Amino acid sequence: FQKMVHRQNDKLVILSAIDNNDQALFEDELFKNRYGFYTPVPGDLYKRTILHYACWENPQFAEIMIENLSAFVSSNDLNHQDSIGRSPLMIACEMGHVELVKYLLQQNVNPNLVTYEEGNSAWHLVCSSDEGDLEDKKAILEEMWIHAERLNINIHMRNAEDFTALDLLLENPKLRE
């Protein structure tokens, strides 16, 4: 999938398209250069892929990428974790990207993956993050609850500090309102 890398001012053009919300350029780069789910962001400290970057910066582009590449990959590819263990679902939860969380859950991603050191799942991250607004966080929690049984989401999972997501929710002043 990684045929050639198109750079402009030492940054991948596809990343600039994500940053500038340029869907036409994003789609052109995606197809022309055959980027895949595992295409790394050059020089990224956390070894994120372009999909991770899109989940963080522009969730609509993450959906476009998944829709256009899903014929070539399995849903397991959507579980790819960066160097600290964050999957696309974890990033979407942490950032408060409701529609992307819904979309990823519909793609049957694994919601029980955990970050490598802290042991936080997507459920933990939505409950502890300060990103996004309160209504988005509530919507994400509701969406995860809807899919909990189907995806076997472990709502009682404890992280490395022995906290459940509910524990983190009760500690997060932004979500207790």
N, C-alpha and C. Protein backbone atom coordinates (compact mmCIF):
# COMPACT_ATOMS: atom_id res chain seq x y z
N PHE A 1 0.80 -1.21 0.00
CA PHE A 1 0.00 0.00 0.00
C PHE A 1 0.84 1.27 0.00
N GLN A 2 2.07 1.17 0.42
CA GLN A 2 2.91 2.35 0.52
C GLN A 2 3.80 2.45 -0.71
N LYS A 3 3.27 3.06 -1.77
CA LYS A 3 3.96 3.13 -3.03
C LYS A 3 4.96 4.27 -3.06
N MET A 4 4.50 5.46 -2.84
CA MET A 4 5.38 6.62 -2.82
C MET A 4 4.83 7.64 -1.85
N VAL A 5 5.68 8.49 -1.39
CA VAL A 5 5.27 9.50 -0.41
C VAL A 5 5.36 10.86 -1.07
N HIS A 6 4.25 11.57 -1.11
CA HIS A 6 4.18 12.88 -1.72
C HIS A 6 4.36 13.93 -0.61
N ARG A 7 5.47 14.66 -0.68
CA ARG A 7 5.79 15.65 0.35
C ARG A 7 5.72 17.07 -0.20
N GLN A 8 5.42 17.98 0.69
CA GLN A 8 5.43 19.40 0.39
C GLN A 8 5.91 20.09 1.66
N ASN A 9 7.01 20.82 1.54
CA ASN A 9 7.60 21.47 2.72
C ASN A 9 7.86 20.46 3.84
N ASP A 10 8.39 19.29 3.46
CA ASP A 10 8.76 18.22 4.39
C ASP A 10 7.59 17.70 5.22
N LYS A 11 6.36 17.82 4.73
CA LYS A 11 5.20 17.24 5.39
C LYS A 11 4.41 16.49 4.33
N LEU A 12 3.90 15.34 4.68
CA LEU A 12 3.08 14.61 3.72
C LEU A 12 1.92 15.48 3.29
N VAL A 13 1.66 15.52 2.00
CA VAL A 13 0.56 16.33 1.48
C VAL A 13 -0.77 15.85 2.06
N ILE A 14 -0.91 14.55 2.26
CA ILE A 14 -2.17 14.04 2.81
C ILE A 14 -2.41 14.58 4.22
N LEU A 15 -1.35 14.78 4.99
CA LEU A 15 -1.51 15.35 6.34
C LEU A 15 -1.93 16.82 6.26
N SER A 16 -1.37 17.54 5.29
CA SER A 16 -1.79 18.93 5.08
C SER A 16 -3.25 19.00 4.68
N ALA A 17 -3.68 18.05 3.86
CA ALA A 17 -5.09 18.00 3.45
C ALA A 17 -5.99 17.78 4.66
N ILE A 18 -5.56 16.91 5.58
CA ILE A 18 -6.33 16.67 6.80
C ILE A 18 -6.38 17.95 7.63
N ASP A 19 -5.23 18.58 7.82
CA ASP A 19 -5.16 19.81 8.63
C ASP A 19 -6.00 20.93 8.05
N ASN A 20 -6.03 21.03 6.71
CA ASN A 20 -6.73 22.12 6.04
C ASN A 20 -8.14 21.77 5.61
N ASN A 21 -8.62 20.59 6.02
CA ASN A 21 -9.97 20.16 5.70
C ASN A 21 -10.23 20.17 4.18
N ASP A 22 -9.23 19.75 3.42
CA ASP A 22 -9.31 19.73 1.96
C ASP A 22 -9.63 18.31 1.50
N GLN A 23 -10.93 18.02 1.40
CA GLN A 23 -11.36 16.66 1.10
C GLN A 23 -10.91 16.22 -0.29
N ALA A 24 -10.98 17.09 -1.28
CA ALA A 24 -10.58 16.71 -2.64
C ALA A 24 -9.10 16.31 -2.67
N LEU A 25 -8.25 17.10 -2.04
CA LEU A 25 -6.83 16.78 -2.00
C LEU A 25 -6.59 15.49 -1.20
N PHE A 26 -7.30 15.33 -0.09
CA PHE A 26 -7.17 14.13 0.72
C PHE A 26 -7.48 12.88 -0.10
N GLU A 27 -8.63 12.89 -0.78
CA GLU A 27 -9.03 11.73 -1.57
C GLU A 27 -8.06 11.49 -2.73
N ASP A 28 -7.61 12.57 -3.36
CA ASP A 28 -6.64 12.44 -4.45
C ASP A 28 -5.35 11.79 -3.95
N GLU A 29 -4.84 12.25 -2.82
CA GLU A 29 -3.61 11.69 -2.24
C GLU A 29 -3.82 10.25 -1.79
N LEU A 30 -4.97 9.97 -1.21
CA LEU A 30 -5.28 8.64 -0.72
C LEU A 30 -5.20 7.62 -1.86
N PHE A 31 -5.79 7.97 -3.00
CA PHE A 31 -5.84 7.03 -4.12
C PHE A 31 -4.57 7.06 -4.96
N LYS A 32 -4.05 8.23 -5.19
CA LYS A 32 -2.87 8.36 -6.05
C LYS A 32 -1.66 7.68 -5.42
N ASN A 33 -1.47 7.85 -4.14
CA ASN A 33 -0.30 7.31 -3.47
C ASN A 33 -0.56 6.01 -2.74
N ARG A 34 -1.79 5.53 -2.82
CA ARG A 34 -2.15 4.23 -2.26
C ARG A 34 -1.76 4.10 -0.78
N TYR A 35 -2.11 5.10 -0.01
CA TYR A 35 -1.86 5.03 1.42
C TYR A 35 -2.73 3.95 2.04
N GLY A 36 -2.22 3.30 3.06
CA GLY A 36 -2.98 2.27 3.76
C GLY A 36 -3.14 2.61 5.22
N PHE A 37 -3.80 1.73 5.95
CA PHE A 37 -4.04 1.96 7.36
C PHE A 37 -2.75 2.00 8.16
N TYR A 38 -1.71 1.33 7.65
CA TYR A 38 -0.45 1.25 8.39
C TYR A 38 0.58 2.27 7.92
N THR A 39 0.23 3.16 7.01
CA THR A 39 1.19 4.16 6.55
C THR A 39 1.54 5.07 7.71
N PRO A 40 2.82 5.10 8.10
CA PRO A 40 3.21 5.89 9.27
C PRO A 40 3.29 7.39 8.96
N VAL A 41 3.10 8.17 9.99
CA VAL A 41 3.33 9.61 9.90
C VAL A 41 4.83 9.79 10.15
N PRO A 42 5.57 10.27 9.15
CA PRO A 42 7.03 10.38 9.32
C PRO A 42 7.42 11.26 10.50
N GLY A 43 8.32 10.74 11.32
CA GLY A 43 8.84 11.51 12.45
C GLY A 43 7.91 11.64 13.63
N ASP A 44 6.76 10.96 13.60
CA ASP A 44 5.81 11.08 14.70
C ASP A 44 6.34 10.33 15.93
N LEU A 45 6.41 11.01 17.04
CA LEU A 45 6.93 10.46 18.28
C LEU A 45 6.18 9.21 18.72
N TYR A 46 4.87 9.18 18.47
CA TYR A 46 4.04 8.06 18.93
C TYR A 46 3.83 6.99 17.87
N LYS A 47 4.52 7.12 16.73
CA LYS A 47 4.42 6.16 15.64
C LYS A 47 2.97 5.97 15.18
N ARG A 48 2.27 7.11 15.10
CA ARG A 48 0.89 7.05 14.61
C ARG A 48 0.89 6.84 13.09
N THR A 49 -0.19 6.28 12.63
CA THR A 49 -0.40 6.12 11.20
C THR A 49 -1.24 7.29 10.69
N ILE A 50 -1.41 7.35 9.40
CA ILE A 50 -2.27 8.40 8.83
C ILE A 50 -3.69 8.25 9.35
N LEU A 51 -4.15 7.01 9.54
CA LEU A 51 -5.49 6.81 10.10
C LEU A 51 -5.58 7.37 11.52
N HIS A 52 -4.58 7.11 12.36
CA HIS A 52 -4.57 7.69 13.71
C HIS A 52 -4.63 9.21 13.64
N TYR A 53 -3.82 9.78 12.75
CA TYR A 53 -3.76 11.24 12.61
C TYR A 53 -5.12 11.79 12.21
N ALA A 54 -5.77 11.13 11.25
CA ALA A 54 -7.10 11.59 10.81
C ALA A 54 -8.11 11.46 11.95
N CYS A 55 -8.04 10.39 12.72
CA CYS A 55 -8.95 10.23 13.86
C CYS A 55 -8.78 11.37 14.86
N TRP A 56 -7.57 11.81 15.03
CA TRP A 56 -7.25 12.88 15.97
C TRP A 56 -7.68 14.23 15.44
N GLU A 57 -7.30 14.53 14.19
CA GLU A 57 -7.44 15.88 13.65
C GLU A 57 -8.71 16.13 12.83
N ASN A 58 -9.21 15.11 12.14
CA ASN A 58 -10.34 15.33 11.23
C ASN A 58 -11.12 14.02 11.07
N PRO A 59 -12.05 13.76 11.97
CA PRO A 59 -12.72 12.46 12.00
C PRO A 59 -13.48 12.10 10.71
N GLN A 60 -13.95 13.11 9.99
CA GLN A 60 -14.65 12.81 8.73
C GLN A 60 -13.70 12.17 7.73
N PHE A 61 -12.45 12.60 7.74
CA PHE A 61 -11.47 12.03 6.82
C PHE A 61 -11.09 10.61 7.23
N ALA A 62 -11.13 10.32 8.52
CA ALA A 62 -10.89 8.95 8.97
C ALA A 62 -11.97 8.03 8.41
N GLU A 63 -13.22 8.49 8.45
CA GLU A 63 -14.31 7.69 7.88
C GLU A 63 -14.13 7.49 6.38
N ILE A 64 -13.73 8.55 5.68
CA ILE A 64 -13.50 8.44 4.24
C ILE A 64 -12.41 7.42 3.96
N MET A 65 -11.35 7.47 4.73
CA MET A 65 -10.24 6.54 4.55
C MET A 65 -10.71 5.10 4.77
N ILE A 66 -11.45 4.87 5.84
CA ILE A 66 -11.94 3.53 6.15
C ILE A 66 -12.89 3.04 5.06
N GLU A 67 -13.82 3.88 4.65
CA GLU A 67 -14.77 3.49 3.61
C GLU A 67 -14.07 3.10 2.32
N ASN A 68 -13.04 3.84 1.97
CA ASN A 68 -12.38 3.60 0.70
C ASN A 68 -11.35 2.48 0.73
N LEU A 69 -10.89 2.12 1.90
CA LEU A 69 -9.89 1.05 2.00
C LEU A 69 -10.44 -0.24 2.57
N SER A 70 -11.69 -0.24 3.01
CA SER A 70 -12.24 -1.41 3.70
C SER A 70 -12.30 -2.65 2.83
N ALA A 71 -12.36 -2.48 1.53
CA ALA A 71 -12.38 -3.65 0.64
C ALA A 71 -11.05 -4.39 0.65
N PHE A 72 -9.98 -3.71 1.07
CA PHE A 72 -8.64 -4.30 1.02
C PHE A 72 -8.14 -4.83 2.36
N VAL A 73 -8.89 -4.56 3.42
CA VAL A 73 -8.40 -4.91 4.76
C VAL A 73 -9.53 -5.51 5.60
N SER A 74 -9.18 -6.05 6.73
CA SER A 74 -10.19 -6.58 7.64
C SER A 74 -10.44 -5.58 8.77
N SER A 75 -11.48 -5.86 9.55
CA SER A 75 -11.77 -4.95 10.68
C SER A 75 -10.64 -4.97 11.70
N ASN A 76 -9.83 -6.03 11.72
CA ASN A 76 -8.69 -6.07 12.63
C ASN A 76 -7.70 -4.95 12.35
N ASP A 77 -7.59 -4.54 11.08
CA ASP A 77 -6.67 -3.46 10.74
C ASP A 77 -7.08 -2.15 11.40
N LEU A 78 -8.35 -2.02 11.74
CA LEU A 78 -8.83 -0.81 12.40
C LEU A 78 -8.46 -0.79 13.88
N ASN A 79 -7.89 -1.88 14.37
CA ASN A 79 -7.47 -1.97 15.77
C ASN A 79 -6.00 -1.66 15.95
N HIS A 80 -5.31 -1.28 14.89
CA HIS A 80 -3.87 -1.01 14.96
C HIS A 80 -3.58 0.04 16.03
N GLN A 81 -2.64 -0.27 16.92
CA GLN A 81 -2.31 0.63 18.02
C GLN A 81 -1.00 1.36 17.76
N ASP A 82 -0.93 2.61 18.21
CA ASP A 82 0.30 3.38 18.08
C ASP A 82 1.29 2.92 19.14
N SER A 83 2.41 3.62 19.28
CA SER A 83 3.48 3.15 20.17
C SER A 83 3.10 3.16 21.65
N ILE A 84 2.05 3.87 22.03
CA ILE A 84 1.61 3.82 23.43
C ILE A 84 0.32 3.03 23.59
N GLY A 85 -0.14 2.46 22.48
CA GLY A 85 -1.28 1.56 22.56
C GLY A 85 -2.63 2.13 22.18
N ARG A 86 -2.67 3.35 21.65
CA ARG A 86 -3.97 3.93 21.28
C ARG A 86 -4.41 3.43 19.92
N SER A 87 -5.64 2.95 19.86
CA SER A 87 -6.27 2.53 18.61
C SER A 87 -7.08 3.71 18.07
N PRO A 88 -7.53 3.63 16.81
CA PRO A 88 -8.40 4.69 16.30
C PRO A 88 -9.64 4.93 17.17
N LEU A 89 -10.25 3.86 17.70
CA LEU A 89 -11.41 4.04 18.57
C LEU A 89 -11.04 4.80 19.83
N MET A 90 -9.91 4.48 20.42
CA MET A 90 -9.47 5.17 21.63
C MET A 90 -9.28 6.66 21.36
N ILE A 91 -8.66 6.97 20.23
CA ILE A 91 -8.43 8.38 19.89
C ILE A 91 -9.75 9.09 19.69
N ALA A 92 -10.68 8.47 18.96
CA ALA A 92 -11.98 9.08 18.73
C ALA A 92 -12.72 9.32 20.04
N CYS A 93 -12.64 8.36 20.95
CA CYS A 93 -13.28 8.51 22.27
C CYS A 93 -12.64 9.65 23.06
N GLU A 94 -11.32 9.65 23.08
CA GLU A 94 -10.59 10.67 23.83
C GLU A 94 -10.87 12.08 23.32
N MET A 95 -10.99 12.21 22.00
CA MET A 95 -11.20 13.52 21.39
C MET A 95 -12.68 13.94 21.36
N GLY A 96 -13.59 13.03 21.68
CA GLY A 96 -15.01 13.37 21.68
C GLY A 96 -15.65 13.38 20.30
N HIS A 97 -15.14 12.56 19.39
CA HIS A 97 -15.66 12.50 18.01
C HIS A 97 -16.79 11.47 17.93
N VAL A 98 -18.00 11.91 18.23
CA VAL A 98 -19.16 11.03 18.37
C VAL A 98 -19.42 10.21 17.12
N GLU A 99 -19.52 10.85 15.97
CA GLU A 99 -19.87 10.14 14.74
C GLU A 99 -18.81 9.11 14.37
N LEU A 100 -17.56 9.44 14.59
CA LEU A 100 -16.50 8.48 14.29
C LEU A 100 -16.56 7.29 15.24
N VAL A 101 -16.85 7.53 16.51
CA VAL A 101 -17.00 6.42 17.46
C VAL A 101 -18.12 5.50 16.99
N LYS A 102 -19.26 6.08 16.63
CA LYS A 102 -20.39 5.27 16.13
C LYS A 102 -19.95 4.44 14.92
N TYR A 103 -19.28 5.09 13.99
CA TYR A 103 -18.85 4.43 12.77
C TYR A 103 -17.88 3.28 13.08
N LEU A 104 -16.91 3.52 13.93
CA LEU A 104 -15.93 2.48 14.27
C LEU A 104 -16.60 1.31 14.99
N LEU A 105 -17.52 1.59 15.87
CA LEU A 105 -18.23 0.51 16.56
C LEU A 105 -19.04 -0.33 15.58
N GLN A 106 -19.61 0.32 14.58
CA GLN A 106 -20.34 -0.41 13.53
C GLN A 106 -19.41 -1.28 12.69
N GLN A 107 -18.12 -0.93 12.66
CA GLN A 107 -17.12 -1.71 11.92
C GLN A 107 -16.57 -2.86 12.76
N ASN A 108 -17.12 -3.05 13.94
CA ASN A 108 -16.75 -4.15 14.83
C ASN A 108 -15.30 -4.09 15.31
N VAL A 109 -14.83 -2.89 15.62
CA VAL A 109 -13.49 -2.76 16.19
C VAL A 109 -13.50 -3.36 17.60
N ASN A 110 -12.32 -3.59 18.12
CA ASN A 110 -12.20 -4.17 19.46
C ASN A 110 -12.20 -3.05 20.50
N PRO A 111 -13.26 -2.90 21.28
CA PRO A 111 -13.33 -1.83 22.29
C PRO A 111 -12.58 -2.16 23.57
N ASN A 112 -12.04 -3.37 23.68
CA ASN A 112 -11.37 -3.79 24.91
C ASN A 112 -9.85 -3.70 24.84
N LEU A 113 -9.30 -3.17 23.75
CA LEU A 113 -7.86 -2.95 23.69
C LEU A 113 -7.49 -1.93 24.76
N VAL A 114 -6.26 -2.03 25.26
CA VAL A 114 -5.82 -1.09 26.29
C VAL A 114 -4.49 -0.46 25.91
N THR A 115 -4.26 0.74 26.43
CA THR A 115 -2.97 1.38 26.22
C THR A 115 -1.92 0.57 26.97
N TYR A 116 -0.69 0.62 26.48
CA TYR A 116 0.34 -0.29 26.97
C TYR A 116 0.75 -0.05 28.42
N GLU A 117 0.93 1.17 28.83
CA GLU A 117 1.39 1.42 30.21
C GLU A 117 0.25 1.63 31.19
N GLU A 118 -0.69 2.50 30.83
CA GLU A 118 -1.78 2.84 31.76
C GLU A 118 -2.88 1.80 31.80
N GLY A 119 -2.99 0.99 30.74
CA GLY A 119 -4.03 -0.03 30.70
C GLY A 119 -5.43 0.55 30.51
N ASN A 120 -5.52 1.73 29.88
CA ASN A 120 -6.82 2.36 29.66
C ASN A 120 -7.45 1.85 28.37
N SER A 121 -8.73 1.53 28.45
CA SER A 121 -9.51 1.15 27.27
C SER A 121 -10.18 2.40 26.70
N ALA A 122 -10.87 2.24 25.59
CA ALA A 122 -11.63 3.36 25.01
C ALA A 122 -12.64 3.88 26.03
N TRP A 123 -13.25 2.98 26.75
CA TRP A 123 -14.23 3.34 27.79
C TRP A 123 -13.56 4.22 28.85
N HIS A 124 -12.36 3.87 29.28
CA HIS A 124 -11.62 4.67 30.26
C HIS A 124 -11.30 6.06 29.69
N LEU A 125 -10.88 6.09 28.43
CA LEU A 125 -10.44 7.36 27.84
C LEU A 125 -11.58 8.35 27.68
N VAL A 126 -12.76 7.88 27.31
CA VAL A 126 -13.88 8.82 27.18
C VAL A 126 -14.27 9.36 28.55
N CYS A 127 -14.10 8.57 29.58
CA CYS A 127 -14.46 9.00 30.93
C CYS A 127 -13.43 9.92 31.58
N SER A 128 -12.19 9.86 31.11
CA SER A 128 -11.14 10.64 31.77
C SER A 128 -10.67 11.85 30.97
N SER A 129 -10.99 11.91 29.69
CA SER A 129 -10.47 12.97 28.83
C SER A 129 -11.16 14.31 29.08
N ASP A 130 -10.39 15.37 28.93
CA ASP A 130 -10.95 16.73 29.00
C ASP A 130 -11.28 17.27 27.61
N GLU A 131 -10.97 16.51 26.55
CA GLU A 131 -11.24 16.95 25.18
C GLU A 131 -12.72 16.79 24.86
N GLY A 132 -13.21 17.59 23.92
CA GLY A 132 -14.60 17.50 23.49
C GLY A 132 -15.53 18.11 24.52
N ASP A 133 -16.79 18.27 24.12
CA ASP A 133 -17.73 18.86 25.08
C ASP A 133 -18.54 17.78 25.79
N LEU A 134 -19.21 18.18 26.82
CA LEU A 134 -19.93 17.25 27.69
C LEU A 134 -20.99 16.46 26.94
N GLU A 135 -21.74 17.10 26.08
CA GLU A 135 -22.80 16.40 25.34
C GLU A 135 -22.21 15.34 24.43
N ASP A 136 -21.06 15.63 23.82
CA ASP A 136 -20.41 14.63 22.97
C ASP A 136 -19.95 13.44 23.81
N LYS A 137 -19.41 13.69 24.97
CA LYS A 137 -18.97 12.61 25.85
C LYS A 137 -20.15 11.73 26.26
N LYS A 138 -21.26 12.36 26.61
CA LYS A 138 -22.45 11.61 26.98
C LYS A 138 -22.93 10.76 25.81
N ALA A 139 -22.91 11.32 24.61
CA ALA A 139 -23.35 10.59 23.42
C ALA A 139 -22.44 9.39 23.15
N ILE A 140 -21.16 9.56 23.36
CA ILE A 140 -20.22 8.46 23.15
C ILE A 140 -20.48 7.35 24.17
N LEU A 141 -20.67 7.72 25.42
CA LEU A 141 -20.95 6.72 26.45
C LEU A 141 -22.24 5.97 26.15
N GLU A 142 -23.26 6.68 25.68
CA GLU A 142 -24.52 6.04 25.30
C GLU A 142 -24.31 5.08 24.13
N GLU A 143 -23.55 5.51 23.14
CA GLU A 143 -23.29 4.67 21.97
C GLU A 143 -22.51 3.42 22.36
N MET A 144 -21.53 3.57 23.22
CA MET A 144 -20.77 2.40 23.67
C MET A 144 -21.66 1.46 24.47
N TRP A 145 -22.56 2.01 25.26
CA TRP A 145 -23.48 1.18 26.03
C TRP A 145 -24.39 0.38 25.10
N ILE A 146 -24.84 1.02 24.03
CA ILE A 146 -25.70 0.33 23.04
C ILE A 146 -24.98 -0.89 22.46
N HIS A 147 -23.68 -0.75 22.22
CA HIS A 147 -22.90 -1.82 21.59
C HIS A 147 -22.22 -2.74 22.60
N ALA A 148 -22.40 -2.49 23.88
CA ALA A 148 -21.65 -3.21 24.92
C ALA A 148 -21.82 -4.72 24.83
N GLU A 149 -23.03 -5.18 24.70
CA GLU A 149 -23.23 -6.63 24.67
C GLU A 149 -22.74 -7.23 23.36
N ARG A 150 -23.08 -6.60 22.24
CA ARG A 150 -22.70 -7.13 20.92
C ARG A 150 -21.19 -7.22 20.76
N LEU A 151 -20.46 -6.21 21.26
CA LEU A 151 -19.01 -6.18 21.12
C LEU A 151 -18.28 -6.70 22.36
N ASN A 152 -19.06 -7.19 23.32
CA ASN A 152 -18.48 -7.75 24.54
C ASN A 152 -17.57 -6.73 25.24
N ILE A 153 -18.06 -5.50 25.37
CA ILE A 153 -17.28 -4.46 26.04
C ILE A 153 -17.24 -4.75 27.53
N ASN A 154 -16.04 -4.80 28.05
CA ASN A 154 -15.85 -5.07 29.47
C ASN A 154 -15.92 -3.75 30.24
N ILE A 155 -17.11 -3.45 30.74
CA ILE A 155 -17.29 -2.17 31.45
C ILE A 155 -16.70 -2.21 32.86
N HIS A 156 -16.31 -3.38 33.31
CA HIS A 156 -15.72 -3.51 34.65
C HIS A 156 -14.19 -3.60 34.61
N MET A 157 -13.61 -3.46 33.43
CA MET A 157 -12.16 -3.55 33.28
C MET A 157 -11.47 -2.49 34.13
N ARG A 158 -10.38 -2.89 34.74
CA ARG A 158 -9.59 -1.97 35.57
C ARG A 158 -8.29 -1.65 34.85
N ASN A 159 -7.87 -0.39 34.94
CA ASN A 159 -6.61 0.02 34.32
C ASN A 159 -5.44 -0.30 35.25
N ALA A 160 -4.25 0.13 34.89
CA ALA A 160 -3.04 -0.18 35.67
C ALA A 160 -3.09 0.42 37.07
N GLU A 161 -3.88 1.46 37.26
CA GLU A 161 -4.01 2.08 38.59
C GLU A 161 -5.22 1.54 39.35
N ASP A 162 -5.81 0.46 38.81
CA ASP A 162 -6.94 -0.23 39.42
C ASP A 162 -8.24 0.58 39.38
N PHE A 163 -8.37 1.48 38.40
CA PHE A 163 -9.61 2.24 38.24
C PHE A 163 -10.45 1.65 37.12
N THR A 164 -11.76 1.61 37.35
CA THR A 164 -12.68 1.29 36.26
C THR A 164 -13.00 2.61 35.55
N ALA A 165 -13.66 2.51 34.42
CA ALA A 165 -14.07 3.72 33.72
C ALA A 165 -15.02 4.55 34.59
N LEU A 166 -15.90 3.89 35.32
CA LEU A 166 -16.82 4.60 36.22
C LEU A 166 -16.05 5.37 37.28
N ASP A 167 -14.99 4.78 37.82
CA ASP A 167 -14.16 5.49 38.79
C ASP A 167 -13.62 6.78 38.18
N LEU A 168 -13.13 6.68 36.96
CA LEU A 168 -12.56 7.85 36.28
C LEU A 168 -13.64 8.88 35.97
N LEU A 169 -14.81 8.41 35.63
CA LEU A 169 -15.93 9.31 35.36
C LEU A 169 -16.27 10.12 36.61
N LEU A 170 -16.31 9.47 37.74
CA LEU A 170 -16.63 10.16 38.99
C LEU A 170 -15.55 11.15 39.41
N GLU A 171 -14.32 10.92 38.94
CA GLU A 171 -13.22 11.85 39.25
C GLU A 171 -13.14 13.00 38.27
N ASN A 172 -13.75 12.88 37.10
CA ASN A 172 -13.63 13.88 36.04
C ASN A 172 -14.68 14.99 36.27
N PRO A 173 -14.25 16.16 36.71
CA PRO A 173 -15.21 17.22 37.00
C PRO A 173 -16.00 17.66 35.77
N LYS A 174 -15.41 17.52 34.59
CA LYS A 174 -16.10 17.93 33.36
C LYS A 174 -17.31 17.03 33.06
N LEU A 175 -17.23 15.78 33.45
CA LEU A 175 -18.30 14.84 33.15
C LEU A 175 -19.30 14.64 34.28
N ARG A 176 -19.02 15.18 35.43
CA ARG A 176 -19.93 14.99 36.57
C ARG A 176 -21.07 15.99 36.58
N GLU A 177 -21.05 16.95 35.70
CA GLU A 177 -22.07 18.01 35.72
C GLU A 177 -23.48 17.48 35.58
